[in-house]
Amino acid sequence: MTPRTAAAAVRHYQSMDLHANIEDASPHRLIQMMMEGALTKISRARGSMEQDEIAAKGANIGDALSIIEGLQASLNHKADERMSENFDALYTYMMRRLLEANLRNDASILDEVSGLLRELKEAWDAIADDV
Protein backbone atom coordinates (compact mmCIF):
# COMPACT_ATOMS: atom_id res chain seq x y z
CA MET A 1 0.00 0.00 0.00
CA THR A 2 1.44 3.35 -1.01
CA PRO A 3 1.41 6.30 1.38
CA ARG A 4 -1.20 7.96 -0.83
CA THR A 5 -3.59 5.01 -0.74
CA ALA A 6 -2.98 4.56 2.98
CA ALA A 7 -3.91 8.21 3.56
CA ALA A 8 -7.04 7.77 1.45
CA ALA A 9 -7.99 4.68 3.46
CA VAL A 10 -7.53 6.56 6.73
CA ARG A 11 -9.70 9.44 5.46
CA HIS A 12 -12.39 6.99 4.38
CA TYR A 13 -12.35 5.27 7.78
CA GLN A 14 -12.52 8.61 9.59
CA SER A 15 -15.45 9.65 7.41
CA MET A 16 -17.32 6.42 8.17
CA ASP A 17 -16.57 6.81 11.88
CA LEU A 18 -17.82 10.40 11.85
CA HIS A 19 -21.06 9.40 10.11
CA ALA A 20 -21.65 6.66 12.69
CA ASN A 21 -21.01 9.11 15.53
CA ILE A 22 -23.42 11.64 14.02
CA GLU A 23 -26.17 9.06 13.62
CA ASP A 24 -25.87 7.98 17.27
CA ALA A 25 -25.44 11.47 18.75
CA SER A 26 -27.98 13.35 20.82
CA PRO A 27 -28.85 16.92 19.78
CA HIS A 28 -26.62 18.14 22.64
CA ARG A 29 -23.70 16.05 21.39
CA LEU A 30 -24.25 17.23 17.80
CA ILE A 31 -23.76 20.84 18.91
CA GLN A 32 -20.60 19.80 20.77
CA MET A 33 -19.33 18.08 17.63
CA MET A 34 -20.06 21.15 15.52
CA MET A 35 -18.18 23.38 17.94
CA GLU A 36 -15.26 20.94 18.00
CA GLY A 37 -15.27 20.88 14.21
CA ALA A 38 -15.27 24.68 13.94
CA LEU A 39 -12.39 24.93 16.41
CA THR A 40 -10.44 22.33 14.45
CA LYS A 41 -11.03 24.15 11.16
CA ILE A 42 -9.95 27.48 12.66
CA SER A 43 -6.82 25.86 14.05
CA ARG A 44 -6.03 24.35 10.66
CA ALA A 45 -6.65 27.73 9.01
CA ARG A 46 -4.14 29.28 11.40
CA GLY A 47 -1.57 26.63 10.51
CA SER A 48 -2.22 27.16 6.81
CA MET A 49 -1.88 30.90 7.31
CA GLU A 50 1.49 30.41 9.00
CA GLN A 51 2.65 28.13 6.15
CA ASP A 52 1.39 30.62 3.53
CA GLU A 53 -0.98 27.97 2.13
CA ILE A 54 -3.62 30.37 0.82
CA ALA A 55 -6.02 27.80 -0.66
CA ALA A 56 -5.99 25.60 2.46
CA LYS A 57 -6.47 28.65 4.68
CA GLY A 58 -9.48 29.75 2.67
CA ALA A 59 -10.98 26.25 2.60
CA ASN A 60 -10.62 25.82 6.36
CA ILE A 61 -12.06 29.25 7.10
CA GLY A 62 -14.91 28.49 4.70
CA ASP A 63 -15.59 25.23 6.53
CA ALA A 64 -15.54 27.01 9.90
CA LEU A 65 -17.97 29.61 8.53
CA SER A 66 -20.33 26.88 7.38
CA ILE A 67 -20.23 25.16 10.75
CA ILE A 68 -20.88 28.40 12.64
CA GLU A 69 -23.72 29.16 10.24
CA GLY A 70 -25.13 25.73 11.13
CA LEU A 71 -24.84 26.54 14.83
CA GLN A 72 -26.67 29.79 14.18
CA ALA A 73 -29.41 28.00 12.24
CA SER A 74 -29.88 25.54 15.12
CA LEU A 75 -30.83 28.25 17.62
CA ASN A 76 -34.25 27.78 19.18
CA HIS A 77 -35.71 31.29 19.18
CA LYS A 78 -38.91 30.10 20.87
CA ALA A 79 -37.21 28.73 23.99
CA ASP A 80 -35.57 32.01 25.07
CA GLU A 81 -35.86 34.79 22.53
CA ARG A 82 -33.46 37.19 24.23
CA MET A 83 -30.74 34.58 24.71
CA SER A 84 -31.09 33.24 21.19
CA GLU A 85 -30.82 36.78 19.80
CA ASN A 86 -27.57 37.24 21.75
CA PHE A 87 -26.17 33.97 20.39
CA ASP A 88 -27.34 34.90 16.91
CA ALA A 89 -25.46 38.21 17.13
CA LEU A 90 -22.36 36.44 18.50
CA TYR A 91 -22.36 33.90 15.67
CA THR A 92 -22.79 36.73 13.13
CA TYR A 93 -19.85 38.55 14.74
CA MET A 94 -17.69 35.40 14.61
CA MET A 95 -18.47 34.86 10.94
CA ARG A 96 -17.67 38.48 10.10
CA ARG A 97 -14.37 38.25 11.97
CA LEU A 98 -13.44 35.01 10.18
CA LEU A 99 -13.98 36.76 6.87
CA GLU A 100 -11.78 39.62 8.05
CA ALA A 101 -9.09 37.17 9.18
CA ASN A 102 -9.11 35.60 5.74
CA LEU A 103 -8.94 38.93 3.91
CA ARG A 104 -6.25 40.43 6.16
CA ASN A 105 -4.36 37.18 6.72
CA ASP A 106 -4.54 37.98 10.44
CA ALA A 107 -3.98 35.07 12.82
CA SER A 108 -4.88 37.19 15.85
CA ILE A 109 -8.46 37.38 14.59
CA LEU A 110 -8.55 33.59 14.29
CA ASP A 111 -7.34 33.41 17.89
CA GLU A 112 -10.09 35.82 18.96
CA VAL A 113 -12.82 33.73 17.33
CA SER A 114 -11.34 30.51 18.72
CA GLY A 115 -11.37 32.02 22.20
CA LEU A 116 -15.01 33.05 21.91
CA LEU A 117 -16.03 29.67 20.53
CA ARG A 118 -14.01 27.83 23.16
CA GLU A 119 -15.83 29.76 25.92
CA LEU A 120 -19.18 28.86 24.38
CA LYS A 121 -18.16 25.23 24.10
CA GLU A 122 -17.05 25.07 27.73
CA ALA A 123 -20.45 26.42 28.80
CA TRP A 124 -22.23 23.99 26.47
CA ASP A 125 -20.16 21.10 27.77
CA ALA A 126 -21.21 21.98 31.32
CA ILE A 127 -24.88 21.56 30.39
CA ALA A 128 -26.20 18.09 31.03
CA ASP A 129 -26.96 16.06 27.90
CA ASP A 130 -30.54 15.42 29.02
CA VAL A 131 -31.49 19.11 29.37
C-alpha atoms as a PDB file:
ATOM      1  CA  MET A   1       0.000   0.000   0.000  1.00  0.00           C
ATOM      2  CA  THR A   2       1.443   3.351  -1.010  1.00  0.00           C
ATOM      3  CA  PRO A   3       1.415   6.303   1.376  1.00  0.00           C
ATOM      4  CA  ARG A   4      -1.198   7.963  -0.833  1.00  0.00           C
ATOM      5  CA  THR A   5      -3.587   5.008  -0.742  1.00  0.00           C
ATOM      6  CA  ALA A   6      -2.976   4.561   2.978  1.00  0.00           C
ATOM      7  CA  ALA A   7      -3.908   8.206   3.563  1.00  0.00           C
ATOM      8  CA  ALA A   8      -7.042   7.770   1.454  1.00  0.00           C
ATOM      9  CA  ALA A   9      -7.994   4.677   3.456  1.00  0.00           C
ATOM     10  CA  VAL A  10      -7.532   6.560   6.727  1.00  0.00           C
ATOM     11  CA  ARG A  11      -9.695   9.443   5.462  1.00  0.00           C
ATOM     12  CA  HIS A  12     -12.386   6.993   4.380  1.00  0.00           C
ATOM     13  CA  TYR A  13     -12.346   5.265   7.783  1.00  0.00           C
ATOM     14  CA  GLN A  14     -12.522   8.613   9.589  1.00  0.00           C
ATOM     15  CA  SER A  15     -15.449   9.647   7.409  1.00  0.00           C
ATOM     16  CA  MET A  16     -17.318   6.424   8.166  1.00  0.00           C
ATOM     17  CA  ASP A  17     -16.573   6.806  11.881  1.00  0.00           C
ATOM     18  CA  LEU A  18     -17.817  10.403  11.848  1.00  0.00           C
ATOM     19  CA  HIS A  19     -21.057   9.396  10.106  1.00  0.00           C
ATOM     20  CA  ALA A  20     -21.645   6.659  12.692  1.00  0.00           C
ATOM     21  CA  ASN A  21     -21.012   9.106  15.535  1.00  0.00           C
ATOM     22  CA  ILE A  22     -23.419  11.636  14.024  1.00  0.00           C
ATOM     23  CA  GLU A  23     -26.174   9.060  13.619  1.00  0.00           C
ATOM     24  CA  ASP A  24     -25.867   7.985  17.270  1.00  0.00           C
ATOM     25  CA  ALA A  25     -25.441  11.467  18.747  1.00  0.00           C
ATOM     26  CA  SER A  26     -27.984  13.352  20.819  1.00  0.00           C
ATOM     27  CA  PRO A  27     -28.852  16.923  19.782  1.00  0.00           C
ATOM     28  CA  HIS A  28     -26.624  18.138  22.641  1.00  0.00           C
ATOM     29  CA  ARG A  29     -23.697  16.050  21.388  1.00  0.00           C
ATOM     30  CA  LEU A  30     -24.251  17.226  17.797  1.00  0.00           C
ATOM     31  CA  ILE A  31     -23.758  20.840  18.914  1.00  0.00           C
ATOM     32  CA  GLN A  32     -20.597  19.802  20.767  1.00  0.00           C
ATOM     33  CA  MET A  33     -19.330  18.081  17.626  1.00  0.00           C
ATOM     34  CA  MET A  34     -20.065  21.152  15.525  1.00  0.00           C
ATOM     35  CA  MET A  35     -18.181  23.384  17.943  1.00  0.00           C
ATOM     36  CA  GLU A  36     -15.258  20.941  18.000  1.00  0.00           C
ATOM     37  CA  GLY A  37     -15.274  20.885  14.211  1.00  0.00           C
ATOM     38  CA  ALA A  38     -15.266  24.676  13.938  1.00  0.00           C
ATOM     39  CA  LEU A  39     -12.391  24.934  16.414  1.00  0.00           C
ATOM     40  CA  THR A  40     -10.437  22.327  14.448  1.00  0.00           C
ATOM     41  CA  LYS A  41     -11.035  24.151  11.163  1.00  0.00           C
ATOM     42  CA  ILE A  42      -9.951  27.481  12.662  1.00  0.00           C
ATOM     43  CA  SER A  43      -6.817  25.858  14.051  1.00  0.00           C
ATOM     44  CA  ARG A  44      -6.033  24.351  10.660  1.00  0.00           C
ATOM     45  CA  ALA A  45      -6.654  27.725   9.011  1.00  0.00           C
ATOM     46  CA  ARG A  46      -4.138  29.275  11.403  1.00  0.00           C
ATOM     47  CA  GLY A  47      -1.569  26.626  10.514  1.00  0.00           C
ATOM     48  CA  SER A  48      -2.225  27.156   6.808  1.00  0.00           C
ATOM     49  CA  MET A  49      -1.881  30.897   7.308  1.00  0.00           C
ATOM     50  CA  GLU A  50       1.489  30.412   9.002  1.00  0.00           C
ATOM     51  CA  GLN A  51       2.653  28.134   6.153  1.00  0.00           C
ATOM     52  CA  ASP A  52       1.386  30.620   3.530  1.00  0.00           C
ATOM     53  CA  GLU A  53      -0.981  27.974   2.132  1.00  0.00           C
ATOM     54  CA  ILE A  54      -3.616  30.367   0.824  1.00  0.00           C
ATOM     55  CA  ALA A  55      -6.024  27.800  -0.660  1.00  0.00           C
ATOM     56  CA  ALA A  56      -5.995  25.600   2.455  1.00  0.00           C
ATOM     57  CA  LYS A  57      -6.469  28.652   4.682  1.00  0.00           C
ATOM     58  CA  GLY A  58      -9.476  29.749   2.670  1.00  0.00           C
ATOM     59  CA  ALA A  59     -10.976  26.255   2.595  1.00  0.00           C
ATOM     60  CA  ASN A  60     -10.621  25.825   6.364  1.00  0.00           C
ATOM     61  CA  ILE A  61     -12.061  29.253   7.096  1.00  0.00           C
ATOM     62  CA  GLY A  62     -14.911  28.488   4.698  1.00  0.00           C
ATOM     63  CA  ASP A  63     -15.594  25.231   6.526  1.00  0.00           C
ATOM     64  CA  ALA A  64     -15.541  27.012   9.897  1.00  0.00           C
ATOM     65  CA  LEU A  65     -17.968  29.609   8.534  1.00  0.00           C
ATOM     66  CA  SER A  66     -20.328  26.876   7.378  1.00  0.00           C
ATOM     67  CA  ILE A  67     -20.233  25.165  10.754  1.00  0.00           C
ATOM     68  CA  ILE A  68     -20.880  28.400  12.635  1.00  0.00           C
ATOM     69  CA  GLU A  69     -23.719  29.163  10.236  1.00  0.00           C
ATOM     70  CA  GLY A  70     -25.129  25.730  11.131  1.00  0.00           C
ATOM     71  CA  LEU A  71     -24.840  26.542  14.828  1.00  0.00           C
ATOM     72  CA  GLN A  72     -26.668  29.792  14.185  1.00  0.00           C
ATOM     73  CA  ALA A  73     -29.411  28.000  12.239  1.00  0.00           C
ATOM     74  CA  SER A  74     -29.883  25.541  15.123  1.00  0.00           C
ATOM     75  CA  LEU A  75     -30.826  28.249  17.616  1.00  0.00           C
ATOM     76  CA  ASN A  76     -34.253  27.783  19.182  1.00  0.00           C
ATOM     77  CA  HIS A  77     -35.707  31.288  19.180  1.00  0.00           C
ATOM     78  CA  LYS A  78     -38.908  30.096  20.869  1.00  0.00           C
ATOM     79  CA  ALA A  79     -37.213  28.727  23.991  1.00  0.00           C
ATOM     80  CA  ASP A  80     -35.568  32.007  25.071  1.00  0.00           C
ATOM     81  CA  GLU A  81     -35.858  34.790  22.525  1.00  0.00           C
ATOM     82  CA  ARG A  82     -33.455  37.193  24.225  1.00  0.00           C
ATOM     83  CA  MET A  83     -30.742  34.581  24.710  1.00  0.00           C
ATOM     84  CA  SER A  84     -31.088  33.238  21.188  1.00  0.00           C
ATOM     85  CA  GLU A  85     -30.818  36.784  19.796  1.00  0.00           C
ATOM     86  CA  ASN A  86     -27.572  37.241  21.747  1.00  0.00           C
ATOM     87  CA  PHE A  87     -26.170  33.969  20.392  1.00  0.00           C
ATOM     88  CA  ASP A  88     -27.339  34.905  16.909  1.00  0.00           C
ATOM     89  CA  ALA A  89     -25.457  38.205  17.130  1.00  0.00           C
ATOM     90  CA  LEU A  90     -22.357  36.445  18.501  1.00  0.00           C
ATOM     91  CA  TYR A  91     -22.355  33.900  15.672  1.00  0.00           C
ATOM     92  CA  THR A  92     -22.788  36.732  13.133  1.00  0.00           C
ATOM     93  CA  TYR A  93     -19.847  38.548  14.736  1.00  0.00           C
ATOM     94  CA  MET A  94     -17.689  35.396  14.613  1.00  0.00           C
ATOM     95  CA  MET A  95     -18.468  34.858  10.941  1.00  0.00           C
ATOM     96  CA  ARG A  96     -17.669  38.482  10.096  1.00  0.00           C
ATOM     97  CA  ARG A  97     -14.371  38.247  11.973  1.00  0.00           C
ATOM     98  CA  LEU A  98     -13.436  35.012  10.179  1.00  0.00           C
ATOM     99  CA  LEU A  99     -13.985  36.757   6.867  1.00  0.00           C
ATOM    100  CA  GLU A 100     -11.776  39.618   8.052  1.00  0.00           C
ATOM    101  CA  ALA A 101      -9.092  37.170   9.181  1.00  0.00           C
ATOM    102  CA  ASN A 102      -9.107  35.604   5.744  1.00  0.00           C
ATOM    103  CA  LEU A 103      -8.943  38.928   3.905  1.00  0.00           C
ATOM    104  CA  ARG A 104      -6.254  40.429   6.159  1.00  0.00           C
ATOM    105  CA  ASN A 105      -4.357  37.180   6.721  1.00  0.00           C
ATOM    106  CA  ASP A 106      -4.542  37.975  10.440  1.00  0.00           C
ATOM    107  CA  ALA A 107      -3.975  35.068  12.821  1.00  0.00           C
ATOM    108  CA  SER A 108      -4.882  37.191  15.854  1.00  0.00           C
ATOM    109  CA  ILE A 109      -8.463  37.380  14.592  1.00  0.00           C
ATOM    110  CA  LEU A 110      -8.551  33.593  14.294  1.00  0.00           C
ATOM    111  CA  ASP A 111      -7.339  33.414  17.894  1.00  0.00           C
ATOM    112  CA  GLU A 112     -10.089  35.817  18.961  1.00  0.00           C
ATOM    113  CA  VAL A 113     -12.824  33.727  17.326  1.00  0.00           C
ATOM    114  CA  SER A 114     -11.339  30.508  18.721  1.00  0.00           C
ATOM    115  CA  GLY A 115     -11.366  32.017  22.195  1.00  0.00           C
ATOM    116  CA  LEU A 116     -15.010  33.046  21.906  1.00  0.00           C
ATOM    117  CA  LEU A 117     -16.034  29.675  20.531  1.00  0.00           C
ATOM    118  CA  ARG A 118     -14.012  27.831  23.165  1.00  0.00           C
ATOM    119  CA  GLU A 119     -15.833  29.758  25.919  1.00  0.00           C
ATOM    120  CA  LEU A 120     -19.184  28.856  24.381  1.00  0.00           C
ATOM    121  CA  LYS A 121     -18.158  25.229  24.097  1.00  0.00           C
ATOM    122  CA  GLU A 122     -17.054  25.075  27.733  1.00  0.00           C
ATOM    123  CA  ALA A 123     -20.447  26.420  28.797  1.00  0.00           C
ATOM    124  CA  TRP A 124     -22.234  23.994  26.465  1.00  0.00           C
ATOM    125  CA  ASP A 125     -20.155  21.097  27.773  1.00  0.00           C
ATOM    126  CA  ALA A 126     -21.207  21.980  31.322  1.00  0.00           C
ATOM    127  CA  ILE A 127     -24.884  21.557  30.392  1.00  0.00           C
ATOM    128  CA  ALA A 128     -26.204  18.087  31.034  1.00  0.00           C
ATOM    129  CA  ASP A 129     -26.961  16.064  27.904  1.00  0.00           C
ATOM    130  CA  ASP A 130     -30.536  15.418  29.021  1.00  0.00           C
ATOM    131  CA  VAL A 131     -31.490  19.108  29.368  1.00  0.00           C
END
